[in-house]
Amino acid sequence: MTDPTSQGDQRPGKVSLFANPISVIGIWLAGISLIVILLLMAYEATLHGHNPYLGIITFVVLPTFLVLGIVLAAIGALRERRRRARGEADAHWPILDLNVGAQRRTLGLLSMAAVVFLAMSAFGSLKAYEYTETNEFCGTVCHTVMEPEYTAYQNSAHSRVPCVECHIGPGVDWFVKSKLSGAYQLYAVAMDNYPRPIHTPIANLRPSQDTCENCHWPEKFFGNNYVTRDYYLQDEDNTHVRVDLMLRVGGGDGREGPQDGIHWHMNIANEIEYIAADERRQEIDWFRVTRLDGTVSTYVRDGSDIAHDEVPEGEIRSMDCIDCHNRPSHRFFPPQVSMNAALARGEISTTLPGVKGLGVELLEGDYETTEEAVAAIEASVRDEYASIASPADVDATVATIQEIYRNNYFPKMNTNWKAFPENIGHMWAPGCFRCHDGEHVNEAGNTLTRDCNVCHVILAEEPAQGGSLMSLVGVPFQHPEDIGEEWKEVSCVECHAP
């Protein structure tokens, strides 16, 4: 290119204030950002649903660079104006002469390189952020940290729901909040000082009304569900116990069915507020109920120091879906539950003496690594049954118990069912009995019910003692073990929980 100082100043007038390196860089930055924004907006218009990661890059990240480019252009123009005010000569740029072959070829190559770079940048940015919203990215990038949650997620009912749909949901604001909280998590992983296991409940989790209820319509939950529970005792005969239940689900819309039952708790017509005494929300000494008619009742645990007319210290939380369904996609099952399911499905033969008890014992063993656990399970099962059972039954039992362990126990993260109590039910964690324990009393002296029939009715039972019971209006529960009437006085969790 030709140096204009060697030919004299042949320009018709002064060059623009923006004709300086800082302004040109800013203009290029703003222009490229604007083009990529338009391309991503056009791409998002072709999608069937909202992509939160794509939205954040389109409407937050790229506009930041757009504004930065404009600011740089303005700064360069101001600097140029002040320089001229001081009487300094105009800054000269090389003159482009397309009659010169070398300049023409150089311009062509630079233009082609710029177009290719722009296209590759747009495509690469899109693909990078598409990858960051995939389940693979969420579950495998931080493999050791997320292995338990990712494994449980893949075996859950929500395994086809992208992680971001529940953990972020639509809209930019919660995406920004999640990324800000995630910044420390990245630091913790890099410095290897993250908690083992991961702390729950997640403090900054988005309310379920903004995520779960995009698919699950609370107003349309109604009716009753029929379920069958198969249990096997930890005795030599693996004694089978079957219970048929009618779950009184209830719902939020009286036109669709009864509004009582389990989903009475949904904060549609009724609002329930509570203060947990512990971080895991397993101990609730105070809660307040506001009904549709406007009446308010405050319940406090009998024997606590809390008065009915005072609100104790702590965060007042409005009860929502996640207070009961607290492990919707990341469930770690107790060994008894997993072994019951395997025996009921025929994956483990019930003819193997004491296999239910042996499986529970092996799963609850103290192992340093998964590899150690898998080896110990195989050795113990083969030693127990190799001489009295068929090789096929032994192999199936080994493989099934090992698979149960891999899906529910993660020694490196100290993760298992004990680390994450599940609030659905009341067998292995307090769950319903956090409030329905017969110890919470309101200002009128009424005790909150702990009647099992409020939530479910036993339609039929084949107890361990033999025979069967059946009635459409419900039959009295018979505990598999002979403990008399004690089961009526204490919560299930007092015996079954760790």
Protein backbone atom coordinates (compact mmCIF):
# COMPACT_ATOMS: atom_id res chain seq x y z
CA MET A 1 0.00 0.00 0.00
CA THR A 2 1.13 3.54 -0.75
CA ASP A 3 2.29 5.97 1.94
CA PRO A 4 0.20 9.15 1.46
CA THR A 5 2.95 11.34 2.89
CA SER A 6 5.08 10.56 -0.17
CA GLN A 7 2.44 11.86 -2.57
CA GLY A 8 1.06 14.78 -0.64
CA ASP A 9 -2.34 15.01 0.98
CA GLN A 10 -4.76 14.29 -1.89
CA ARG A 11 -7.86 13.83 0.33
CA PRO A 12 -10.79 16.16 -0.33
CA GLY A 13 -11.20 16.90 3.37
CA LYS A 14 -10.38 15.83 6.84
CA VAL A 15 -10.83 12.18 7.66
CA SER A 16 -13.58 11.12 10.05
CA LEU A 17 -12.95 11.22 13.79
CA PHE A 18 -13.63 7.48 13.76
CA ALA A 19 -10.76 6.79 11.40
CA ASN A 20 -8.38 5.68 14.14
CA PRO A 21 -7.32 2.25 15.35
CA ILE A 22 -9.39 2.27 18.58
CA SER A 23 -12.60 3.33 16.84
CA VAL A 24 -12.08 0.91 13.95
CA ILE A 25 -11.61 -1.99 16.39
CA GLY A 26 -14.76 -0.90 18.22
CA ILE A 27 -16.75 -0.64 15.00
CA TRP A 28 -15.63 -4.08 13.87
CA LEU A 29 -16.46 -5.57 17.29
CA ALA A 30 -19.91 -3.97 17.31
CA GLY A 31 -20.58 -4.98 13.71
CA ILE A 32 -19.58 -8.60 14.18
CA SER A 33 -21.62 -8.83 17.41
CA LEU A 34 -24.66 -7.40 15.67
CA ILE A 35 -24.39 -9.84 12.78
CA VAL A 36 -24.03 -12.83 15.12
CA ILE A 37 -27.00 -11.62 17.21
CA LEU A 38 -29.16 -11.45 14.09
CA LEU A 39 -28.03 -14.90 12.97
CA LEU A 40 -28.75 -16.44 16.37
CA MET A 41 -32.14 -14.73 16.55
CA ALA A 42 -33.00 -16.18 13.16
CA TYR A 43 -31.84 -19.62 14.29
CA GLU A 44 -33.81 -19.45 17.54
CA ALA A 45 -36.93 -18.56 15.56
CA THR A 46 -36.68 -21.99 13.91
CA LEU A 47 -36.58 -23.86 17.22
CA HIS A 48 -39.71 -25.45 18.68
CA GLY A 49 -38.94 -24.41 22.25
CA HIS A 50 -36.99 -21.79 24.16
CA ASN A 51 -33.29 -22.43 24.58
CA PRO A 52 -32.08 -20.66 27.75
CA TYR A 53 -28.39 -20.96 26.85
CA LEU A 54 -29.02 -19.61 23.37
CA GLY A 55 -31.08 -16.80 24.86
CA ILE A 56 -28.35 -15.75 27.27
CA ILE A 57 -25.68 -15.59 24.55
CA THR A 58 -28.03 -13.77 22.17
CA PHE A 59 -29.52 -11.25 24.54
CA VAL A 60 -26.89 -10.84 27.26
CA VAL A 61 -23.38 -11.83 26.19
CA LEU A 62 -23.31 -10.58 22.61
CA PRO A 63 -25.09 -7.28 23.40
CA THR A 64 -22.35 -6.69 25.98
CA PHE A 65 -19.73 -6.91 23.23
CA LEU A 66 -21.93 -4.75 20.99
CA VAL A 67 -22.05 -2.01 23.61
CA LEU A 68 -18.33 -2.43 24.28
CA GLY A 69 -17.62 -1.93 20.57
CA ILE A 70 -19.74 1.24 20.49
CA VAL A 71 -17.97 2.57 23.59
CA LEU A 72 -14.55 1.85 22.05
CA ALA A 73 -15.58 3.67 18.87
CA ALA A 74 -16.67 6.69 20.89
CA ILE A 75 -13.50 6.67 22.99
CA GLY A 76 -11.36 6.59 19.86
CA ALA A 77 -13.31 9.48 18.34
CA LEU A 78 -12.91 11.60 21.50
CA ARG A 79 -9.18 10.89 21.62
CA GLU A 80 -8.88 11.89 17.97
CA ARG A 81 -10.83 15.09 18.55
CA ARG A 82 -8.61 16.11 21.46
CA ARG A 83 -5.51 15.32 19.45
CA ARG A 84 -6.70 17.59 16.66
CA ALA A 85 -7.64 20.31 19.17
CA ARG A 86 -4.02 20.35 20.25
CA GLY A 87 -3.11 21.17 16.68
CA GLU A 88 -1.58 17.87 15.83
CA ALA A 89 -1.74 16.73 12.21
CA ASP A 90 -4.39 14.32 11.10
CA ALA A 91 -3.52 10.68 11.45
CA HIS A 92 -2.85 9.23 8.00
CA TRP A 93 -3.97 5.80 6.92
CA PRO A 94 -2.44 3.89 4.05
CA ILE A 95 -4.22 4.60 0.75
CA LEU A 96 -5.75 1.59 -0.95
CA ASP A 97 -5.12 1.52 -4.67
CA LEU A 98 -6.95 -1.35 -6.39
CA ASN A 99 -4.93 -0.66 -9.54
CA VAL A 100 -1.98 -2.20 -7.75
CA GLY A 101 -2.19 -6.00 -8.08
CA ALA A 102 -0.51 -6.76 -4.76
CA GLN A 103 -2.97 -4.54 -2.86
CA ARG A 104 -5.89 -6.05 -4.72
CA ARG A 105 -4.82 -9.59 -3.87
CA THR A 106 -4.14 -8.67 -0.23
CA LEU A 107 -7.60 -7.11 0.13
CA GLY A 108 -9.24 -10.17 -1.42
CA LEU A 109 -7.46 -12.56 0.89
CA LEU A 110 -8.24 -10.45 3.97
CA SER A 111 -11.91 -10.20 2.98
CA MET A 112 -12.20 -13.93 2.47
CA ALA A 113 -10.45 -14.61 5.77
CA ALA A 114 -12.81 -12.19 7.57
CA VAL A 115 -15.90 -13.87 6.11
CA VAL A 116 -14.64 -17.36 7.01
CA PHE A 117 -13.68 -16.22 10.50
CA LEU A 118 -17.08 -14.62 11.05
CA ALA A 119 -18.95 -17.72 9.86
CA MET A 120 -16.80 -20.08 11.92
CA SER A 121 -17.14 -17.87 15.01
CA ALA A 122 -20.92 -17.80 14.72
CA PHE A 123 -21.16 -21.54 14.09
CA GLY A 124 -18.62 -22.40 16.80
CA SER A 125 -20.32 -20.20 19.38
CA LEU A 126 -23.66 -21.75 18.60
CA LYS A 127 -22.37 -25.31 18.83
CA ALA A 128 -20.44 -24.59 22.02
CA TYR A 129 -23.47 -23.22 23.79
CA GLU A 130 -25.68 -25.96 22.40
CA TYR A 131 -23.29 -28.44 23.99
CA THR A 132 -23.35 -26.65 27.34
CA GLU A 133 -27.08 -27.26 27.58
CA THR A 134 -26.85 -30.98 26.92
CA ASN A 135 -27.27 -33.59 29.63
CA GLU A 136 -23.87 -34.99 28.72
CA PHE A 137 -22.23 -31.65 29.55
CA CYS A 138 -24.11 -31.34 32.84
CA GLY A 139 -23.36 -34.90 33.91
CA THR A 140 -19.91 -35.75 32.61
CA VAL A 141 -17.73 -32.63 32.47
CA CYS A 142 -17.32 -32.71 36.26
CA HIS A 143 -17.48 -36.50 36.27
CA THR A 144 -16.58 -37.33 39.87
CA VAL A 145 -18.77 -34.59 41.32
CA MET A 146 -21.84 -35.23 39.20
CA GLU A 147 -21.55 -38.99 38.69
CA PRO A 148 -24.11 -39.88 41.41
CA GLU A 149 -26.68 -37.35 40.22
CA TYR A 150 -26.15 -38.17 36.54
CA THR A 151 -26.45 -41.92 37.14
CA ALA A 152 -29.66 -41.50 39.13
CA TYR A 153 -31.02 -39.09 36.53
CA GLN A 154 -30.49 -41.59 33.70
CA ASN A 155 -32.58 -44.14 35.63
CA SER A 156 -35.33 -41.68 36.55
CA ALA A 157 -38.72 -40.89 35.07
CA HIS A 158 -37.30 -37.55 33.88
CA SER A 159 -34.39 -39.02 31.94
CA ARG A 160 -35.66 -37.45 28.70
CA VAL A 161 -36.09 -34.02 30.25
CA PRO A 162 -33.00 -31.80 29.73
CA CYS A 163 -31.27 -30.82 32.97
CA VAL A 164 -31.64 -27.12 32.18
CA GLU A 165 -35.45 -27.41 32.03
CA CYS A 166 -35.57 -28.11 35.78
CA HIS A 167 -32.44 -26.44 37.09
CA ILE A 168 -32.81 -23.20 35.11
CA GLY A 169 -36.09 -23.05 33.23
CA PRO A 170 -37.12 -20.36 30.76
CA GLY A 171 -36.00 -16.73 30.91
CA VAL A 172 -32.69 -14.96 31.19
CA ASP A 173 -32.85 -13.82 34.82
CA TRP A 174 -32.63 -17.30 36.37
CA PHE A 175 -29.99 -18.31 33.86
CA VAL A 176 -27.82 -15.44 35.08
CA LYS A 177 -28.45 -16.40 38.71
CA SER A 178 -27.53 -20.01 38.04
CA LYS A 179 -24.32 -19.02 36.24
CA LEU A 180 -23.30 -16.71 39.05
CA SER A 181 -23.79 -19.47 41.61
CA GLY A 182 -22.05 -21.87 39.26
CA ALA A 183 -18.95 -19.69 39.18
CA TYR A 184 -18.08 -20.73 42.73
CA GLN A 185 -18.85 -24.35 41.90
CA LEU A 186 -16.29 -24.25 39.08
CA TYR A 187 -13.76 -22.81 41.51
CA ALA A 188 -14.59 -25.52 44.05
CA VAL A 189 -14.07 -28.26 41.47
CA ALA A 190 -10.81 -26.74 40.26
CA MET A 191 -9.49 -26.44 43.84
CA ASP A 192 -10.91 -29.82 44.89
CA ASN A 193 -12.75 -28.39 47.90
CA TYR A 194 -16.33 -29.25 46.96
CA PRO A 195 -18.56 -30.98 49.55
CA ARG A 196 -18.85 -34.76 49.55
CA PRO A 197 -21.75 -35.41 49.27
CA ILE A 198 -23.25 -32.35 47.60
CA HIS A 199 -25.30 -30.31 50.03
CA THR A 200 -29.08 -30.43 49.73
CA PRO A 201 -31.54 -28.89 49.44
CA ILE A 202 -30.08 -26.53 46.86
CA ALA A 203 -30.38 -23.04 48.30
CA ASN A 204 -30.85 -21.22 44.98
CA LEU A 205 -33.13 -23.73 43.25
CA ARG A 206 -35.83 -22.08 41.19
CA PRO A 207 -39.40 -22.44 42.56
CA SER A 208 -41.23 -25.43 41.14
CA GLN A 209 -44.04 -23.20 39.87
CA ASP A 210 -41.59 -21.92 37.23
CA THR A 211 -40.19 -25.31 36.23
CA CYS A 212 -42.12 -28.44 37.22
CA GLU A 213 -45.47 -26.83 36.52
CA ASN A 214 -44.55 -26.21 32.90
CA CYS A 215 -45.40 -29.89 32.40
CA HIS A 216 -47.30 -30.89 35.54
CA TRP A 217 -50.54 -28.93 35.80
CA PRO A 218 -51.44 -28.77 39.52
CA GLU A 219 -55.04 -27.70 38.96
CA LYS A 220 -55.61 -30.93 37.03
CA PHE A 221 -54.18 -33.38 39.57
CA PHE A 222 -57.15 -35.41 40.71
CA GLY A 223 -58.50 -38.83 41.57
CA ASN A 224 -56.95 -41.83 43.27
CA ASN A 225 -54.09 -44.08 42.21
CA TYR A 226 -54.01 -47.84 42.72
CA VAL A 227 -50.56 -49.20 43.56
CA THR A 228 -49.14 -52.54 44.63
CA ARG A 229 -46.21 -52.91 46.99
CA ASP A 230 -44.21 -56.14 47.18
CA TYR A 231 -42.05 -56.71 50.23
CA TYR A 232 -39.78 -59.58 51.20
CA LEU A 233 -38.70 -60.27 54.76
CA GLN A 234 -35.07 -60.79 55.64
CA ASP A 235 -35.57 -64.39 56.67
CA GLU A 236 -34.45 -67.71 55.21
CA ASP A 237 -37.59 -68.03 53.10
CA ASN A 238 -37.59 -64.45 51.80
CA THR A 239 -41.22 -64.35 52.92
CA HIS A 240 -43.37 -62.37 50.51
CA VAL A 241 -45.75 -59.66 51.76
CA ARG A 242 -48.04 -57.83 49.36
CA VAL A 243 -50.00 -54.66 50.05
CA ASP A 244 -52.50 -53.11 47.62
CA LEU A 245 -53.03 -49.41 48.26
CA MET A 246 -55.33 -46.72 47.01
CA LEU A 247 -53.39 -43.47 47.14
CA ARG A 248 -55.70 -40.56 47.76
CA VAL A 249 -53.95 -38.11 45.46
CA GLY A 250 -56.64 -35.41 45.34
CA GLY A 251 -56.12 -32.23 43.39
CA GLY A 252 -56.60 -28.52 42.99
CA ASP A 253 -59.77 -28.30 40.92
CA GLY A 254 -63.02 -29.42 42.51
CA ARG A 255 -64.62 -29.79 39.08
CA GLU A 256 -62.18 -32.58 38.26
CA GLY A 257 -62.47 -34.60 41.45
CA PRO A 258 -61.89 -34.50 45.22
CA GLN A 259 -59.62 -31.78 46.54
CA ASP A 260 -58.64 -33.58 49.72
CA GLY A 261 -55.89 -36.16 50.04
CA ILE A 262 -52.20 -35.73 49.40
CA HIS A 263 -52.40 -32.80 47.00
CA TRP A 264 -54.44 -30.76 49.43
CA HIS A 265 -51.02 -29.39 50.35
CA MET A 266 -50.50 -27.75 46.97
CA ASN A 267 -50.53 -23.99 47.43
CA ILE A 268 -53.39 -23.32 45.03
CA ALA A 269 -56.37 -22.92 47.32
CA ASN A 270 -54.42 -23.50 50.53
CA GLU A 271 -51.14 -21.93 51.54
CA ILE A 272 -48.77 -23.65 53.93
CA GLU A 273 -45.79 -21.77 55.32
CA TYR A 274 -43.17 -23.34 57.53
CA ILE A 275 -39.82 -22.73 59.17
CA ALA A 276 -37.38 -25.63 59.25
CA ALA A 277 -35.16 -26.06 62.28
CA ASP A 278 -32.38 -27.63 60.19
CA GLU A 279 -30.76 -26.99 56.83
CA ARG A 280 -32.10 -30.22 55.33
CA ARG A 281 -35.71 -29.30 56.22
CA GLN A 282 -36.27 -32.53 58.10
CA GLU A 283 -37.26 -30.93 61.41
CA ILE A 284 -40.29 -28.65 61.32
CA ASP A 285 -41.44 -27.21 64.65
CA TRP A 286 -43.67 -24.42 63.30
CA PHE A 287 -45.97 -24.05 60.32
CA ARG A 288 -48.96 -21.93 59.38
CA VAL A 289 -51.96 -22.91 57.26
CA THR A 290 -54.09 -20.36 55.40
CA ARG A 291 -57.21 -21.92 53.91
CA LEU A 292 -59.34 -20.80 51.00
CA ASP A 293 -61.91 -19.21 53.31
CA GLY A 294 -59.21 -17.03 54.87
CA THR A 295 -58.93 -18.84 58.20
CA VAL A 296 -55.43 -19.20 59.57
CA SER A 297 -54.11 -21.88 61.92
CA THR A 298 -50.64 -22.02 63.42
CA TYR A 299 -49.22 -25.35 64.53
CA VAL A 300 -46.22 -25.81 66.81
CA ARG A 301 -44.59 -29.01 67.96
CA ASP A 302 -45.75 -30.00 71.40
CA GLY A 303 -42.96 -29.50 73.91
CA SER A 304 -41.14 -26.82 71.92
CA ASP A 305 -40.55 -23.35 73.32
CA ILE A 306 -42.47 -21.69 70.47
CA ALA A 307 -45.70 -19.86 71.30
CA HIS A 308 -48.62 -19.85 68.86
CA ASP A 309 -48.62 -16.07 68.64
CA GLU A 310 -44.93 -15.79 67.71
CA VAL A 311 -42.95 -16.55 64.59
CA PRO A 312 -39.61 -18.25 65.35
CA GLU A 313 -36.38 -17.18 63.74
CA GLY A 314 -35.60 -18.62 60.35
CA GLU A 315 -36.64 -18.47 56.72
CA ILE A 316 -40.39 -18.69 56.14
CA ARG A 317 -40.83 -21.01 53.18
CA SER A 318 -44.06 -21.47 51.26
CA MET A 319 -44.59 -25.16 50.70
CA ASP A 320 -44.48 -26.26 47.05
CA CYS A 321 -44.06 -29.47 45.08
CA ILE A 322 -40.38 -29.86 45.84
CA ASP A 323 -40.96 -29.99 49.61
CA CYS A 324 -42.37 -33.51 49.17
CA HIS A 325 -41.05 -34.46 45.72
CA ASN A 326 -37.55 -33.44 46.77
CA ARG A 327 -35.76 -36.15 44.76
CA PRO A 328 -37.74 -36.18 41.49
CA SER A 329 -34.81 -37.12 39.26
CA HIS A 330 -31.95 -38.01 41.60
CA ARG A 331 -33.21 -40.85 43.78
CA PHE A 332 -30.89 -43.13 45.71
CA PHE A 333 -32.85 -46.12 46.96
CA PRO A 334 -32.42 -47.94 50.28
CA PRO A 335 -31.12 -51.49 49.81
CA GLN A 336 -34.38 -53.00 51.05
CA VAL A 337 -36.34 -51.16 48.35
CA SER A 338 -33.95 -52.18 45.58
CA MET A 339 -33.83 -55.81 46.71
CA ASN A 340 -37.65 -55.96 46.97
CA ALA A 341 -37.95 -54.70 43.41
CA ALA A 342 -35.33 -57.16 42.09
CA LEU A 343 -37.03 -60.10 43.81
CA ALA A 344 -40.48 -59.03 42.59
CA ARG A 345 -39.23 -58.75 39.00
CA GLY A 346 -37.57 -62.15 39.16
CA GLU A 347 -34.07 -60.76 38.64
CA ILE A 348 -33.05 -62.54 41.84
CA SER A 349 -34.54 -65.95 42.63
CA THR A 350 -36.61 -66.11 45.83
CA THR A 351 -35.49 -69.73 46.24
CA LEU A 352 -32.04 -68.64 47.36
CA PRO A 353 -32.13 -68.92 51.17
CA GLY A 354 -31.84 -65.57 52.93
CA VAL A 355 -30.87 -63.72 49.73
CA LYS A 356 -32.85 -60.61 50.69
CA GLY A 357 -30.92 -60.22 53.94
CA LEU A 358 -27.58 -61.05 52.32
CA GLY A 359 -28.16 -58.49 49.58
CA VAL A 360 -29.02 -55.75 52.06
CA GLU A 361 -25.95 -56.59 54.15
CA LEU A 362 -23.61 -56.52 51.16
CA LEU A 363 -25.03 -53.27 49.80
CA GLU A 364 -24.61 -51.59 53.17
CA GLY A 365 -21.01 -52.76 53.54
CA ASP A 366 -18.21 -50.27 54.23
CA TYR A 367 -16.19 -50.02 51.01
CA GLU A 368 -13.53 -47.54 49.94
CA THR A 369 -14.24 -47.80 46.22
CA THR A 370 -16.89 -49.12 43.88
CA GLU A 371 -14.42 -51.68 42.53
CA GLU A 372 -13.89 -53.04 46.04
CA ALA A 373 -17.63 -53.28 46.59
CA VAL A 374 -18.26 -55.08 43.29
CA ALA A 375 -15.55 -57.63 44.05
CA ALA A 376 -16.81 -58.21 47.61
CA ILE A 377 -20.40 -58.72 46.40
CA GLU A 378 -19.34 -61.34 43.85
CA ALA A 379 -17.13 -63.21 46.29
CA SER A 380 -19.77 -63.31 49.04
CA VAL A 381 -22.66 -64.37 46.80
CA ARG A 382 -20.67 -67.13 45.13
CA ASP A 383 -19.36 -68.35 48.46
CA GLU A 384 -22.92 -68.48 49.84
CA TYR A 385 -24.75 -70.10 46.96
CA ALA A 386 -22.29 -71.76 44.56
CA SER A 387 -22.85 -75.22 46.05
CA ILE A 388 -26.64 -75.02 46.48
CA ALA A 389 -27.96 -73.03 43.51
CA SER A 390 -27.72 -73.16 39.75
CA PRO A 391 -24.90 -71.17 38.12
CA ALA A 392 -27.48 -69.09 36.24
CA ASP A 393 -29.21 -68.01 39.49
CA VAL A 394 -25.87 -67.20 41.12
CA ASP A 395 -24.67 -65.19 38.12
CA ALA A 396 -27.97 -63.26 37.97
CA THR A 397 -27.84 -62.51 41.68
CA VAL A 398 -24.26 -61.26 41.48
CA ALA A 399 -24.96 -59.06 38.48
CA THR A 400 -28.17 -57.60 39.95
CA ILE A 401 -26.72 -56.72 43.35
CA GLN A 402 -23.65 -55.20 41.71
CA GLU A 403 -25.87 -53.09 39.45
CA ILE A 404 -27.92 -51.93 42.43
CA TYR A 405 -24.71 -50.84 44.11
CA ARG A 406 -23.42 -48.97 41.06
CA ASN A 407 -26.70 -47.06 40.75
CA ASN A 408 -27.11 -46.12 44.41
CA TYR A 409 -23.72 -46.04 46.14
CA PHE A 410 -20.80 -43.76 45.29
CA PRO A 411 -17.98 -44.01 47.85
CA LYS A 412 -15.86 -41.22 46.30
CA MET A 413 -18.67 -38.72 46.91
CA ASN A 414 -19.94 -40.32 50.15
CA THR A 415 -23.27 -40.57 48.37
CA ASN A 416 -26.03 -43.06 49.09
CA TRP A 417 -29.64 -43.07 50.24
CA LYS A 418 -28.70 -42.00 53.77
CA ALA A 419 -27.12 -38.78 52.51
CA PHE A 420 -30.29 -37.67 50.70
CA PRO A 421 -33.51 -38.33 52.64
CA GLU A 422 -36.55 -38.49 50.39
CA ASN A 423 -39.72 -36.83 51.63
CA ILE A 424 -42.19 -38.90 49.61
CA GLY A 425 -43.71 -41.33 52.09
CA HIS A 426 -42.51 -41.95 55.63
CA MET A 427 -40.64 -45.25 55.69
CA TRP A 428 -36.99 -44.31 55.22
CA ALA A 429 -37.09 -40.62 56.15
CA PRO A 430 -39.52 -38.51 58.23
CA GLY A 431 -41.30 -37.28 55.09
CA CYS A 432 -44.98 -36.86 55.93
CA PHE A 433 -44.21 -37.28 59.62
CA ARG A 434 -42.27 -34.05 59.67
CA CYS A 435 -45.66 -32.49 60.36
CA HIS A 436 -48.12 -35.40 60.63
CA ASP A 437 -46.46 -36.92 63.67
CA GLY A 438 -49.26 -36.39 66.17
CA GLU A 439 -47.19 -33.80 68.01
CA HIS A 440 -48.13 -30.56 66.21
CA VAL A 441 -50.92 -28.66 67.92
CA ASN A 442 -52.68 -25.45 66.85
CA GLU A 443 -53.92 -22.56 68.97
CA ALA A 444 -57.30 -24.24 69.47
CA GLY A 445 -55.65 -27.32 70.94
CA ASN A 446 -56.31 -29.52 67.90
CA THR A 447 -53.58 -31.98 66.97
CA LEU A 448 -52.69 -32.42 63.29
CA THR A 449 -53.81 -35.89 62.28
CA ARG A 450 -51.42 -38.78 61.75
CA ASP A 451 -54.17 -41.08 60.46
CA CYS A 452 -52.74 -43.17 57.63
CA ASN A 453 -56.09 -43.24 55.83
CA VAL A 454 -55.90 -39.53 55.13
CA CYS A 455 -53.38 -40.24 52.35
CA HIS A 456 -53.89 -43.91 51.49
CA VAL A 457 -56.25 -46.79 52.12
CA ILE A 458 -55.10 -50.44 52.26
CA LEU A 459 -57.47 -52.33 49.97
CA ALA A 460 -55.83 -55.72 50.34
CA GLU A 461 -52.93 -57.31 52.18
CA GLU A 462 -51.29 -60.69 52.08
CA PRO A 463 -49.49 -60.60 55.43
CA ALA A 464 -46.48 -62.66 56.42
CA GLN A 465 -48.65 -64.58 58.86
CA GLY A 466 -50.55 -66.09 55.92
CA GLY A 467 -54.03 -65.68 54.50
CA SER A 468 -55.27 -62.47 52.89
CA LEU A 469 -57.38 -59.46 53.73
CA MET A 470 -59.45 -57.50 51.24
CA SER A 471 -62.04 -54.75 51.40
CA LEU A 472 -62.93 -51.85 49.14
CA VAL A 473 -63.38 -49.64 52.20
CA GLY A 474 -59.99 -50.57 53.59
CA VAL A 475 -58.50 -53.22 55.84
CA PRO A 476 -56.46 -52.73 59.01
CA PHE A 477 -52.73 -52.86 58.46
CA GLN A 478 -50.84 -55.86 59.81
CA HIS A 479 -47.15 -55.28 60.39
CA PRO A 480 -45.01 -58.03 58.79
CA GLU A 481 -43.09 -58.43 62.04
CA ASP A 482 -45.04 -59.11 65.21
CA ILE A 483 -44.58 -55.87 67.12
CA GLY A 484 -48.09 -55.71 68.56
CA GLU A 485 -49.66 -52.28 68.48
CA GLU A 486 -46.34 -50.43 68.61
CA TRP A 487 -46.54 -49.45 64.93
CA LYS A 488 -49.54 -47.29 65.80
CA GLU A 489 -47.59 -45.34 68.39
CA VAL A 490 -44.28 -44.65 66.63
CA SER A 491 -43.41 -43.43 63.16
CA CYS A 492 -42.10 -45.96 60.63
CA VAL A 493 -38.93 -43.95 60.25
CA GLU A 494 -37.95 -44.54 63.88
CA CYS A 495 -37.19 -48.16 63.02
CA HIS A 496 -36.48 -48.15 59.30
CA ALA A 497 -34.35 -45.02 58.88
CA PRO A 498 -30.59 -45.14 59.42
